[in-house]
Amino acid sequence: MSPIEVASDWGLGFVGATGDFISAIREGTEPCLTGDQARTVLRFALAIQRTARLRREVYVDELDQRFPGLYAARRRRRERREAAGTGSWLSRLLPEGKTAQYAPLALEQTRLLVARFEPPDPPLPDTCIGLVLRGDDLPEQRLGLVVRGNAASLVEGEVPAGAALTVTMAPGLWAAILLKKKRIEMAVLSGKISYEGKVEEALKLRDALAL
């Protein structure tokens, strides 16, 4: 396999983004990121800065609040109450701790995630995201989250050819995210999730799947 030269200067990303935006205006096409998706990226970056400054976990949603500190404190209290027994019956059966204990539930929870998909308005563009669940002493699982015609489906046993983005993580971590035991933002920040491809594709599905 031949090596691929990739520019390492982060500033070139601004050049490419500006060029894409200008091309979209001139040619009447959609840019790589919509305004809402770009705002999500910005909020994520600001949350990273805030968590470093405050030395605590920061909810991305708190950036939109008038009193972010109060919002974060109330949300942490609510999450602690739910973890103590006021959440779902499945959450009560699974104690807090390492995420490996949730690994056997990864496939079932992924199926439920797709089953509760509600077509958004305006419709989502067609996309496909591969999901590789590896580790926790379980056989590797390869899945595909597919959106076609504003409807979601799950491919089991393989990552579909042509997936725009492939995400790899431990099955226990993925199940914990779906069970609301872990936040996907913190998993990314801690390096527990790796990805290859167009990260913006994940932004298209994040809100629709309530991740």
Protein backbone atom coordinates (compact mmCIF):
# COMPACT_ATOMS: atom_id res chain seq x y z
CA MET A 1 0.00 0.00 0.00
CA SER A 2 1.40 3.41 -0.96
CA PRO A 3 1.70 6.05 1.77
CA ILE A 4 -0.78 8.92 1.71
CA GLU A 5 0.46 12.43 2.33
CA VAL A 6 -1.90 14.36 4.60
CA ALA A 7 -1.41 18.03 5.42
CA SER A 8 -0.71 18.47 9.14
CA ASP A 9 -1.17 22.23 9.37
CA TRP A 10 -4.51 22.73 11.14
CA GLY A 11 -4.82 26.16 9.59
CA LEU A 12 -5.31 24.56 6.17
CA GLY A 13 -8.67 23.31 7.42
CA PHE A 14 -9.94 26.89 7.43
CA VAL A 15 -8.70 27.35 3.87
CA GLY A 16 -10.52 24.22 2.72
CA ALA A 17 -13.72 25.10 4.59
CA THR A 18 -13.76 28.61 3.12
CA GLY A 19 -13.16 27.26 -0.37
CA ASP A 20 -15.98 24.74 0.03
CA PHE A 21 -18.35 27.48 1.23
CA ILE A 22 -17.51 29.75 -1.71
CA SER A 23 -17.94 26.85 -4.16
CA ALA A 24 -21.35 26.05 -2.67
CA ILE A 25 -22.49 29.65 -3.22
CA ARG A 26 -21.17 29.84 -6.77
CA GLU A 27 -22.45 26.42 -7.85
CA GLY A 28 -25.67 26.37 -5.83
CA THR A 29 -24.73 23.15 -4.04
CA GLU A 30 -24.81 22.09 -0.40
CA PRO A 31 -21.63 22.75 1.62
CA CYS A 32 -19.92 19.87 3.43
CA LEU A 33 -21.36 21.14 6.71
CA THR A 34 -24.66 22.91 7.23
CA GLY A 35 -24.89 25.88 9.56
CA ASP A 36 -26.33 23.70 12.33
CA GLN A 37 -23.57 21.10 11.94
CA ALA A 38 -20.87 23.78 11.99
CA ARG A 39 -22.42 25.20 15.14
CA THR A 40 -22.28 21.75 16.76
CA VAL A 41 -18.58 21.49 15.94
CA LEU A 42 -17.98 24.94 17.44
CA ARG A 43 -19.93 24.09 20.61
CA PHE A 44 -17.86 20.93 20.99
CA ALA A 45 -14.61 22.91 20.72
CA LEU A 46 -15.84 25.51 23.23
CA ALA A 47 -16.87 22.72 25.62
CA ILE A 48 -13.32 21.33 25.47
CA GLN A 49 -11.92 24.74 26.39
CA ARG A 50 -14.45 25.15 29.19
CA THR A 51 -13.79 21.73 30.72
CA ALA A 52 -10.03 22.44 30.75
CA ARG A 53 -10.60 25.81 32.42
CA LEU A 54 -13.12 24.59 35.03
CA ARG A 55 -11.57 21.17 35.64
CA ARG A 56 -14.90 19.36 35.36
CA GLU A 57 -17.05 17.62 32.79
CA VAL A 58 -18.93 20.10 30.67
CA TYR A 59 -22.24 19.36 28.98
CA VAL A 60 -22.32 20.67 25.44
CA ASP A 61 -25.93 21.72 26.04
CA GLU A 62 -24.94 23.98 28.93
CA LEU A 63 -23.29 26.39 26.49
CA ASP A 64 -26.77 27.46 25.37
CA GLN A 65 -27.97 28.14 28.91
CA ARG A 66 -28.17 31.54 30.58
CA PHE A 67 -26.65 30.09 33.77
CA PRO A 68 -24.46 27.19 32.57
CA GLY A 69 -23.04 26.33 35.99
CA LEU A 70 -26.50 26.00 37.53
CA TYR A 71 -27.70 23.93 34.57
CA ALA A 72 -24.72 21.58 34.91
CA ALA A 73 -25.23 21.15 38.66
CA ARG A 74 -28.92 20.35 38.25
CA ARG A 75 -28.23 17.90 35.46
CA ARG A 76 -25.55 16.09 37.49
CA ARG A 77 -27.99 15.74 40.39
CA ARG A 78 -30.65 14.35 38.06
CA GLU A 79 -28.22 11.84 36.58
CA ARG A 80 -27.17 10.71 40.05
CA ARG A 81 -30.82 10.18 41.03
CA GLU A 82 -31.43 8.15 37.89
CA ALA A 83 -28.33 6.04 38.51
CA ALA A 84 -29.52 5.45 42.07
CA GLY A 85 -32.75 3.85 40.90
CA THR A 86 -35.15 6.27 39.28
CA GLY A 87 -34.09 5.43 35.71
CA SER A 88 -35.22 2.57 33.51
CA TRP A 89 -35.46 -0.99 34.87
CA LEU A 90 -32.47 -1.94 32.75
CA SER A 91 -30.38 0.87 34.20
CA ARG A 92 -31.27 -0.24 37.73
CA LEU A 93 -30.10 -3.77 37.00
CA LEU A 94 -26.67 -2.58 35.87
CA PRO A 95 -24.49 -0.92 38.52
CA GLU A 96 -22.12 1.92 37.77
CA GLY A 97 -18.50 1.07 37.05
CA LYS A 98 -16.45 -0.20 34.16
CA THR A 99 -18.33 -0.34 30.88
CA ALA A 100 -17.33 -3.92 30.05
CA GLN A 101 -20.28 -5.16 32.07
CA TYR A 102 -22.64 -3.68 29.48
CA ALA A 103 -20.93 -5.36 26.52
CA PRO A 104 -23.45 -8.23 26.10
CA LEU A 105 -26.19 -5.64 25.56
CA ALA A 106 -24.46 -3.78 22.70
CA LEU A 107 -26.23 -5.44 19.78
CA GLU A 108 -29.67 -5.40 21.42
CA GLN A 109 -29.34 -1.73 22.31
CA THR A 110 -28.21 -0.89 18.76
CA ARG A 111 -31.30 -2.60 17.36
CA LEU A 112 -33.47 -0.59 19.76
CA LEU A 113 -31.68 2.60 18.71
CA VAL A 114 -32.62 2.03 15.07
CA ALA A 115 -36.16 0.92 15.97
CA ARG A 116 -36.93 4.19 17.76
CA PHE A 117 -35.57 6.36 14.95
CA GLU A 118 -38.03 9.12 14.12
CA PRO A 119 -37.68 10.65 10.63
CA PRO A 120 -36.74 14.31 11.10
CA ASP A 121 -38.10 17.24 9.18
CA PRO A 122 -36.33 18.38 7.06
CA PRO A 123 -35.27 14.88 6.00
CA LEU A 124 -31.77 13.61 6.62
CA PRO A 125 -29.57 13.12 3.55
CA ASP A 126 -28.73 9.50 2.78
CA THR A 127 -25.69 8.30 4.71
CA CYS A 128 -24.04 5.18 6.09
CA ILE A 129 -21.87 4.88 9.19
CA GLY A 130 -19.91 1.72 9.98
CA LEU A 131 -19.62 0.58 13.59
CA VAL A 132 -16.91 -1.83 14.75
CA LEU A 133 -17.33 -3.11 18.30
CA ARG A 134 -14.07 -4.65 19.45
CA GLY A 135 -12.83 -5.78 22.86
CA ASP A 136 -14.31 -6.68 26.26
CA ASP A 137 -13.41 -10.35 25.60
CA LEU A 138 -16.19 -10.68 23.02
CA PRO A 139 -16.05 -11.55 19.31
CA GLU A 140 -15.79 -8.50 17.09
CA GLN A 141 -19.10 -7.16 15.83
CA ARG A 142 -19.33 -5.20 12.58
CA LEU A 143 -22.46 -3.17 11.93
CA GLY A 144 -23.78 -0.44 9.66
CA LEU A 145 -26.19 2.37 10.54
CA VAL A 146 -27.85 3.27 7.25
CA VAL A 147 -30.22 6.13 6.42
CA ARG A 148 -31.98 5.91 3.07
CA GLY A 149 -35.06 7.93 2.14
CA ASN A 150 -35.20 9.36 5.68
CA ALA A 151 -35.61 5.86 7.14
CA ALA A 152 -33.02 4.07 9.28
CA SER A 153 -31.90 0.45 9.10
CA LEU A 154 -29.21 -1.71 10.65
CA VAL A 155 -26.79 -3.95 8.74
CA GLU A 156 -25.40 -6.76 10.90
CA GLY A 157 -22.26 -8.78 10.30
CA GLU A 158 -20.37 -6.29 8.14
CA VAL A 159 -19.53 -2.66 7.63
CA PRO A 160 -21.28 -1.73 4.36
CA ALA A 161 -19.01 -0.94 1.44
CA GLY A 162 -18.82 2.79 0.90
CA ALA A 163 -19.51 3.76 4.52
CA ALA A 164 -18.72 7.45 4.84
CA LEU A 165 -17.45 7.01 8.39
CA THR A 166 -16.33 4.00 10.42
CA VAL A 167 -16.30 4.25 14.21
CA THR A 168 -14.49 1.75 16.43
CA MET A 169 -14.95 1.28 20.18
CA ALA A 170 -15.47 -1.38 22.84
CA PRO A 171 -18.96 -2.94 22.86
CA GLY A 172 -19.38 -2.14 26.55
CA LEU A 173 -18.68 1.53 25.96
CA TRP A 174 -21.17 1.67 23.07
CA ALA A 175 -23.85 -0.03 25.16
CA ALA A 176 -23.15 2.33 28.08
CA ILE A 177 -23.60 5.32 25.75
CA LEU A 178 -26.92 3.97 24.49
CA LEU A 179 -28.03 3.30 28.08
CA LYS A 180 -27.14 6.91 28.99
CA LYS A 181 -24.48 5.68 31.41
CA LYS A 182 -21.68 7.38 29.50
CA ARG A 183 -21.59 10.52 27.38
CA ILE A 184 -20.27 10.15 23.86
CA GLU A 185 -18.48 13.51 24.04
CA MET A 186 -16.37 12.40 27.02
CA ALA A 187 -15.61 9.05 25.37
CA VAL A 188 -14.23 10.91 22.34
CA LEU A 189 -12.21 13.30 24.50
CA SER A 190 -10.69 10.44 26.49
CA GLY A 191 -9.58 8.69 23.29
CA LYS A 192 -11.82 5.66 23.74
CA ILE A 193 -13.40 6.07 20.30
CA SER A 194 -11.49 5.98 17.03
CA TYR A 195 -12.91 6.95 13.67
CA GLU A 196 -11.97 6.97 10.03
CA GLY A 197 -13.74 8.95 7.33
CA LYS A 198 -16.04 11.95 7.31
CA VAL A 199 -16.76 12.88 10.91
CA GLU A 200 -19.47 15.28 9.77
CA GLU A 201 -21.61 12.25 8.87
CA ALA A 202 -21.91 11.45 12.56
CA LEU A 203 -23.29 14.93 13.21
CA LYS A 204 -26.16 14.21 10.83
CA LEU A 205 -27.27 11.24 12.91
CA ARG A 206 -26.40 12.41 16.42
CA ASP A 207 -29.51 14.51 17.02
CA ALA A 208 -31.85 12.24 15.05
CA LEU A 209 -30.79 9.22 17.14
CA ALA A 210 -30.63 11.25 20.38
CA LEU A 211 -27.05 10.23 21.15
